[in-house]
Amino acid sequence: MKVMLRIVVYLILTFVLMFVFTSFVLAVVSILLPELMEKGATPLVILGSIYFISLIIYGWYIGKPIYYMIQWIHHLANGNYYPPVQHNNIYSKKTHKLKGPYRVYKELIDHLETLTQTLENNHREREKLDRMKKEWIAGISHDLKTPLTYITGYSTMLLSNRFQWSEEKQEQFLLEIHGKAEHMNELIQDLNLSFRLEGAHFPLETENKDVVELVRRTVADVASAPWANGYHLSFETVETQLDMQIDPKLFQRALRNLLVNSVTHNPKGTRIRVTLQKLTDLKITIEDNGKGMDKETIDHLFRKYYRGTSTDAILEGTGLGMAVAQQLISVHNGDIRVKSRINEGTTMQVLLPL
């Protein structure tokens, strides 16, 4: 609105000035050259010339910034997210403000600068995401190939007639096969959930469930897993029972992903303490005394395809677990908050409305 008003006022003032200037020139001509005025044709030629020159000057003055903005938009349309080369020329070197004809379009130029910066940032983010996707696909391929190699190897050894395995060895092989199959199942579930959660509406199958029991059961399941051997998981709460409307499968899946992350990215011997409190919201805290996370990891923790900065995790990661956990808590209208420091451990809080 301000831009439109400024342009209208500018046009009116321009035409008024043109009229005054033309009248002044005609008055001068009529005084200085009265004999030319008697012929009749010459004033029209003079008047036409004045108007023609004025229109050229006016068109150049107004059209220059318009042409400049068209060039800018053309750059953006071609994927060049930067202003035209002569961008600095539209600003005064002394005041660093827009020059005369460009001031009329100040808001438009400001918006174009903001748009350019936004598009450039989005382009960089998109390139970064594409790179992360490629790395993630390579990681997923490795994560699928590794357990398949174990499953194929152990099953081949069990089926071979060349060896006679003891019951203890057979049980060990079967446990390895089972563990790798479970890992592949979790990976596929994460992939499936991730794509489903990208939909506009994700249906919840809510039930009136005891959240205390759900949390206790999830902690117990993770603690009893073979890959969690050597980790000390505990659950504490003063609540004996707390019923609420929740999707039990998705809630347990989110909580499991958070616990698996605490195990995966910490060394053996780490203590992982889970507490449940009934406040204004339901508050579930997962606290460990592990190695902690740096700021970059915290900032990207819930981003898809992010697999962390550590290279010594004991389990293969899908890069989806934490993103899926956040999405599952979000569809319950909840939130996850994270605090962490290097070598001081990590605290994750899950908040759900009661």
Protein backbone atom coordinates (compact mmCIF):
# COMPACT_ATOMS: atom_id res chain seq x y z
CA MET A 1 0.00 0.00 0.00
CA LYS A 2 2.83 2.39 0.87
CA VAL A 3 4.58 1.62 -2.40
CA MET A 4 1.40 2.22 -4.43
CA LEU A 5 0.72 5.52 -2.64
CA ARG A 6 4.30 6.66 -3.16
CA ILE A 7 4.14 5.84 -6.90
CA VAL A 8 0.81 7.66 -7.32
CA VAL A 9 2.13 10.76 -5.51
CA TYR A 10 5.32 10.57 -7.56
CA LEU A 11 3.36 10.41 -10.83
CA ILE A 12 1.14 13.33 -9.86
CA LEU A 13 4.12 15.47 -8.88
CA THR A 14 5.90 14.52 -12.10
CA PHE A 15 2.97 15.57 -14.30
CA VAL A 16 2.50 18.78 -12.33
CA LEU A 17 6.17 19.63 -12.79
CA MET A 18 5.92 18.79 -16.48
CA PHE A 19 2.90 21.08 -16.84
CA VAL A 20 4.59 23.94 -14.96
CA PHE A 21 7.77 23.50 -16.97
CA THR A 22 5.88 23.42 -20.26
CA SER A 23 3.85 26.52 -19.33
CA PHE A 24 7.03 28.32 -18.35
CA VAL A 25 8.75 27.49 -21.63
CA LEU A 26 5.72 28.58 -23.65
CA ALA A 27 5.53 31.84 -21.70
CA VAL A 28 9.21 32.51 -22.37
CA VAL A 29 8.79 31.67 -26.04
CA SER A 30 5.72 33.93 -26.39
CA ILE A 31 7.62 36.84 -24.82
CA LEU A 32 10.94 36.43 -26.55
CA LEU A 33 9.68 35.22 -29.91
CA PRO A 34 6.23 36.85 -30.46
CA GLU A 35 6.60 36.70 -34.20
CA LEU A 36 6.87 32.86 -34.02
CA MET A 37 3.65 32.66 -32.02
CA GLU A 38 1.73 34.38 -34.89
CA LYS A 39 2.55 31.54 -37.27
CA GLY A 40 0.70 29.03 -35.03
CA ALA A 41 2.62 25.89 -35.96
CA THR A 42 5.88 26.59 -34.18
CA PRO A 43 4.45 26.57 -30.58
CA LEU A 44 2.95 23.15 -31.27
CA VAL A 45 6.32 21.88 -32.44
CA ILE A 46 8.00 23.38 -29.40
CA LEU A 47 5.34 21.98 -27.09
CA GLY A 48 5.55 18.54 -28.69
CA SER A 49 9.34 18.56 -28.46
CA ILE A 50 9.23 19.54 -24.80
CA TYR A 51 6.75 16.78 -24.03
CA PHE A 52 8.74 14.24 -26.01
CA ILE A 53 12.00 15.11 -24.22
CA SER A 54 10.21 15.15 -20.87
CA LEU A 55 8.71 11.72 -21.50
CA ILE A 56 12.13 10.30 -22.43
CA ILE A 57 13.66 11.71 -19.24
CA TYR A 58 10.69 10.56 -17.16
CA GLY A 59 10.68 7.09 -18.77
CA TRP A 60 14.40 6.67 -18.13
CA TYR A 61 14.07 7.91 -14.53
CA ILE A 62 11.11 5.65 -13.68
CA GLY A 63 11.93 2.74 -16.00
CA LYS A 64 15.53 2.24 -14.87
CA PRO A 65 14.66 0.74 -11.45
CA ILE A 66 11.81 -1.28 -13.01
CA TYR A 67 14.21 -2.78 -15.57
CA TYR A 68 16.68 -3.44 -12.76
CA MET A 69 14.04 -5.35 -10.72
CA ILE A 70 12.97 -7.33 -13.82
CA GLN A 71 16.63 -8.36 -14.26
CA TRP A 72 16.75 -9.39 -10.59
CA ILE A 73 13.59 -11.51 -10.87
CA HIS A 74 14.96 -13.08 -14.06
CA HIS A 75 18.11 -14.05 -12.13
CA LEU A 76 16.01 -15.69 -9.41
CA ALA A 77 13.87 -17.54 -11.96
CA ASN A 78 17.06 -19.02 -13.49
CA GLY A 79 18.28 -20.25 -10.12
CA ASN A 80 20.85 -17.49 -9.60
CA TYR A 81 20.13 -16.44 -6.04
CA TYR A 82 22.01 -13.15 -6.00
CA PRO A 83 21.22 -9.55 -7.06
CA PRO A 84 22.37 -8.20 -10.46
CA VAL A 85 26.01 -7.16 -10.77
CA GLN A 86 25.20 -3.46 -10.53
CA HIS A 87 23.43 -3.90 -7.18
CA ASN A 88 25.85 -1.66 -5.28
CA ASN A 89 25.31 1.13 -7.81
CA ILE A 90 21.73 1.70 -6.67
CA TYR A 91 23.00 2.84 -3.25
CA SER A 92 24.68 6.15 -2.48
CA LYS A 93 28.32 5.70 -1.50
CA LYS A 94 28.08 8.46 1.11
CA THR A 95 24.74 7.75 2.80
CA HIS A 96 24.44 4.05 1.82
CA LYS A 97 20.78 4.74 1.02
CA LEU A 98 18.90 4.09 -2.20
CA LYS A 99 19.43 6.64 -4.94
CA GLY A 100 16.63 8.93 -6.14
CA PRO A 101 14.64 6.82 -8.66
CA TYR A 102 15.07 3.63 -6.60
CA ARG A 103 13.62 5.16 -3.42
CA VAL A 104 10.13 4.93 -4.92
CA TYR A 105 10.46 1.13 -4.87
CA LYS A 106 12.23 0.83 -1.51
CA GLU A 107 9.83 -1.78 -0.09
CA LEU A 108 9.94 -3.83 -3.30
CA ILE A 109 13.74 -3.84 -3.30
CA ASP A 110 13.80 -4.78 0.40
CA HIS A 111 11.41 -7.67 -0.29
CA LEU A 112 13.52 -8.81 -3.24
CA GLU A 113 16.63 -8.83 -1.04
CA THR A 114 14.79 -10.87 1.61
CA LEU A 115 13.45 -13.27 -1.04
CA THR A 116 16.92 -13.67 -2.56
CA GLN A 117 18.45 -14.48 0.82
CA THR A 118 15.66 -16.93 1.65
CA LEU A 119 15.97 -18.72 -1.69
CA GLU A 120 19.74 -18.92 -1.31
CA ASN A 121 19.42 -20.38 2.20
CA ASN A 122 16.78 -22.86 0.99
CA HIS A 123 19.03 -23.85 -1.90
CA ARG A 124 21.94 -24.53 0.45
CA GLU A 125 19.68 -26.50 2.81
CA ARG A 126 18.34 -28.52 -0.11
CA GLU A 127 21.87 -29.32 -1.30
CA LYS A 128 22.83 -30.32 2.23
CA LEU A 129 19.72 -32.50 2.56
CA ASP A 130 20.41 -34.16 -0.79
CA ARG A 131 23.94 -34.90 0.32
CA MET A 132 22.66 -36.31 3.61
CA LYS A 133 20.13 -38.46 1.72
CA LYS A 134 22.87 -39.93 -0.46
CA GLU A 135 24.98 -40.68 2.60
CA TRP A 136 21.91 -42.11 4.34
CA ILE A 137 21.07 -44.38 1.39
CA ALA A 138 24.66 -45.63 1.42
CA GLY A 139 24.36 -46.22 5.16
CA ILE A 140 21.01 -48.01 4.81
CA SER A 141 22.50 -50.26 2.12
CA HIS A 142 25.34 -51.09 4.49
CA ASP A 143 22.94 -51.60 7.41
CA LEU A 144 20.88 -54.06 5.36
CA LYS A 145 23.89 -55.84 3.92
CA THR A 146 25.64 -56.34 7.28
CA PRO A 147 22.86 -58.28 9.08
CA LEU A 148 22.07 -60.21 5.90
CA THR A 149 25.70 -61.29 5.75
CA TYR A 150 25.51 -62.52 9.36
CA ILE A 151 22.17 -64.29 8.77
CA THR A 152 23.44 -65.94 5.58
CA GLY A 153 26.72 -66.95 7.19
CA TYR A 154 25.28 -68.42 10.40
CA SER A 155 22.39 -70.18 8.64
CA THR A 156 24.83 -71.71 6.11
CA MET A 157 27.00 -72.98 8.97
CA LEU A 158 23.98 -74.51 10.71
CA LEU A 159 22.75 -76.22 7.54
CA SER A 160 26.17 -77.56 6.55
CA ASN A 161 26.73 -81.31 6.99
CA ARG A 162 30.47 -80.82 7.27
CA PHE A 163 30.28 -79.68 10.89
CA GLN A 164 28.63 -81.00 14.01
CA TRP A 165 27.70 -78.07 16.22
CA SER A 166 26.97 -78.40 19.92
CA GLU A 167 23.60 -77.23 21.23
CA GLU A 168 25.32 -74.28 22.87
CA LYS A 169 26.86 -73.19 19.56
CA GLN A 170 23.59 -73.69 17.70
CA GLU A 171 21.81 -71.54 20.26
CA GLN A 172 24.50 -68.86 19.91
CA PHE A 173 24.12 -68.85 16.11
CA LEU A 174 20.32 -68.67 16.36
CA LEU A 175 20.55 -65.74 18.82
CA GLU A 176 22.80 -63.89 16.38
CA ILE A 177 20.40 -64.59 13.51
CA HIS A 178 17.45 -63.47 15.63
CA GLY A 179 19.24 -60.28 16.70
CA LYS A 180 20.12 -59.32 13.13
CA ALA A 181 16.59 -60.09 11.96
CA GLU A 182 15.23 -57.83 14.73
CA HIS A 183 17.54 -55.05 13.61
CA MET A 184 16.33 -55.35 10.02
CA ASN A 185 12.72 -55.37 11.24
CA GLU A 186 13.31 -52.14 13.21
CA LEU A 187 14.95 -50.53 10.20
CA ILE A 188 11.98 -51.40 7.97
CA GLN A 189 9.54 -50.16 10.64
CA ASP A 190 11.39 -46.84 10.87
CA LEU A 191 11.26 -46.46 7.09
CA ASN A 192 7.55 -47.28 6.99
CA LEU A 193 6.68 -44.96 9.87
CA SER A 194 8.79 -42.16 8.42
CA PHE A 195 6.92 -42.17 5.10
CA ARG A 196 3.51 -42.54 6.76
CA LEU A 197 4.18 -39.65 9.13
CA GLU A 198 4.90 -37.36 6.17
CA GLY A 199 1.22 -37.50 5.23
CA ALA A 200 -1.08 -34.59 5.90
CA HIS A 201 -3.02 -36.57 8.50
CA PHE A 202 -1.72 -39.51 10.48
CA PRO A 203 -4.55 -41.46 12.20
CA LEU A 204 -4.00 -42.43 15.85
CA GLU A 205 -5.59 -45.53 17.31
CA THR A 206 -5.97 -44.16 20.81
CA GLU A 207 -6.98 -46.23 23.81
CA ASN A 208 -7.37 -45.54 27.51
CA LYS A 209 -4.08 -47.05 28.70
CA ASP A 210 -1.95 -47.02 31.83
CA VAL A 211 1.10 -44.98 30.78
CA VAL A 212 3.10 -46.09 33.82
CA GLU A 213 2.83 -49.71 32.72
CA LEU A 214 3.65 -48.85 29.09
CA VAL A 215 6.84 -47.01 30.12
CA ARG A 216 7.85 -49.76 32.57
CA ARG A 217 7.35 -52.44 29.91
CA THR A 218 9.31 -50.50 27.27
CA VAL A 219 12.26 -49.92 29.62
CA ALA A 220 12.24 -53.62 30.55
CA ASP A 221 12.17 -54.70 26.88
CA VAL A 222 15.17 -52.53 26.00
CA ALA A 223 17.07 -53.54 29.14
CA SER A 224 16.62 -57.25 28.32
CA ALA A 225 17.80 -56.92 24.70
CA PRO A 226 21.16 -58.65 23.99
CA TRP A 227 22.68 -55.47 22.53
CA ALA A 228 21.85 -53.59 25.77
CA ASN A 229 23.94 -55.98 27.85
CA GLY A 230 26.36 -53.96 30.02
CA TYR A 231 24.06 -50.94 30.27
CA HIS A 232 22.19 -50.12 33.48
CA LEU A 233 18.60 -49.08 32.75
CA SER A 234 16.20 -48.17 35.56
CA PHE A 235 12.69 -46.80 35.87
CA GLU A 236 11.37 -44.68 38.76
CA THR A 237 8.00 -43.08 39.47
CA VAL A 238 5.74 -42.33 42.43
CA GLU A 239 2.67 -43.00 40.29
CA THR A 240 1.17 -46.47 40.58
CA GLN A 241 -1.23 -45.96 37.67
CA LEU A 242 -1.94 -43.15 35.22
CA ASP A 243 -4.59 -43.72 32.56
CA MET A 244 -4.76 -41.49 29.49
CA GLN A 245 -5.87 -41.60 25.88
CA ILE A 246 -2.86 -42.69 23.85
CA ASP A 247 -1.84 -44.86 20.91
CA PRO A 248 0.09 -47.53 22.85
CA LYS A 249 2.04 -48.97 19.89
CA LEU A 250 3.23 -45.59 18.60
CA PHE A 251 3.95 -44.25 22.09
CA GLN A 252 6.08 -47.28 22.96
CA ARG A 253 7.80 -47.04 19.59
CA ALA A 254 8.79 -43.40 20.24
CA LEU A 255 10.02 -44.20 23.76
CA ARG A 256 11.93 -47.24 22.50
CA ASN A 257 13.68 -45.15 19.82
CA LEU A 258 14.81 -42.66 22.47
CA LEU A 259 16.13 -45.43 24.72
CA VAL A 260 17.87 -47.20 21.82
CA ASN A 261 19.58 -43.90 20.97
CA SER A 262 20.85 -43.61 24.56
CA VAL A 263 22.26 -47.13 24.38
CA THR A 264 23.62 -46.89 20.83
CA HIS A 265 25.65 -43.72 21.31
CA ASN A 266 27.09 -44.41 24.77
CA PRO A 267 29.76 -46.86 25.99
CA LYS A 268 29.00 -49.93 28.08
CA GLY A 269 28.60 -49.19 31.76
CA THR A 270 26.43 -46.12 31.08
CA ARG A 271 23.54 -45.62 33.49
CA ILE A 272 20.23 -44.70 31.84
CA ARG A 273 17.59 -43.52 34.30
CA VAL A 274 13.95 -43.13 33.24
CA THR A 275 11.53 -41.21 35.47
CA LEU A 276 7.83 -40.42 35.08
CA GLN A 277 6.11 -37.46 36.75
CA LYS A 278 2.55 -36.19 36.70
CA LEU A 279 2.72 -32.39 36.61
CA THR A 280 0.66 -30.01 34.49
CA ASP A 281 1.78 -32.35 31.71
CA LEU A 282 2.99 -35.92 31.72
CA LYS A 283 6.78 -35.65 31.96
CA ILE A 284 9.02 -38.61 31.07
CA THR A 285 12.73 -37.98 31.58
CA ILE A 286 15.50 -40.13 30.09
CA GLU A 287 18.79 -39.22 31.72
CA ASP A 288 22.19 -40.83 31.14
CA ASN A 289 25.73 -40.24 32.37
CA GLY A 290 27.26 -41.02 28.99
CA LYS A 291 29.54 -39.06 26.71
CA GLY A 292 27.02 -36.34 25.83
CA MET A 293 26.54 -34.48 22.56
CA ASP A 294 27.95 -31.36 20.98
CA LYS A 295 25.77 -28.48 19.81
CA GLU A 296 25.80 -29.58 16.17
CA THR A 297 24.47 -33.02 17.10
CA ILE A 298 21.74 -31.53 19.32
CA ASP A 299 20.69 -29.11 16.55
CA HIS A 300 20.37 -31.97 14.04
CA LEU A 301 19.23 -34.70 16.43
CA PHE A 302 15.66 -34.91 15.13
CA ARG A 303 16.51 -34.30 11.48
CA LYS A 304 15.91 -37.15 9.10
CA TYR A 305 18.95 -38.92 7.64
CA TYR A 306 21.22 -37.49 10.33
CA ARG A 307 23.41 -40.26 11.76
CA GLY A 308 25.41 -38.28 14.31
CA THR A 309 29.03 -37.22 14.43
CA SER A 310 30.26 -40.27 16.33
CA THR A 311 31.95 -43.09 14.45
CA ASP A 312 32.10 -45.61 17.29
CA ALA A 313 28.43 -46.42 17.84
CA ILE A 314 27.92 -50.07 18.74
CA LEU A 315 24.86 -50.46 16.53
CA GLU A 316 24.14 -49.46 12.99
CA GLY A 317 21.81 -46.46 12.88
CA THR A 318 19.11 -45.72 10.35
CA GLY A 319 19.26 -41.97 10.80
CA LEU A 320 15.47 -42.05 11.24
CA GLY A 321 14.93 -43.25 14.82
CA MET A 322 15.01 -39.87 16.54
CA ALA A 323 13.10 -38.12 13.76
CA VAL A 324 10.39 -40.80 13.98
CA ALA A 325 10.29 -40.47 17.78
CA GLN A 326 9.73 -36.72 17.56
CA GLN A 327 7.03 -37.13 14.90
CA LEU A 328 5.22 -39.77 16.99
CA ILE A 329 5.27 -37.56 20.07
CA SER A 330 4.14 -34.57 17.97
CA VAL A 331 1.07 -36.41 16.65
CA HIS A 332 0.17 -36.90 20.34
CA ASN A 333 0.43 -33.08 20.69
CA GLY A 334 3.59 -33.52 22.76
CA ASP A 335 7.16 -32.28 22.63
CA ILE A 336 10.71 -33.56 23.23
CA ARG A 337 13.38 -31.37 24.82
CA VAL A 338 17.08 -32.20 24.93
CA LYS A 339 19.94 -30.95 27.09
CA SER A 340 23.45 -32.31 26.80
CA ARG A 341 27.11 -31.54 27.36
CA ILE A 342 30.18 -33.37 26.21
CA ASN A 343 31.34 -35.90 28.84
CA GLU A 344 28.46 -34.91 31.15
CA GLY A 345 25.63 -36.99 29.73
CA THR A 346 22.29 -36.23 28.12
CA THR A 347 18.80 -35.50 29.41
CA MET A 348 15.73 -35.92 27.18
CA GLN A 349 12.28 -34.87 28.37
CA VAL A 350 9.07 -36.08 26.75
CA LEU A 351 6.09 -33.82 27.54
CA LEU A 352 2.55 -34.97 26.80
CA PRO A 353 -0.70 -33.14 27.63
CA LEU A 354 -2.87 -34.94 30.20
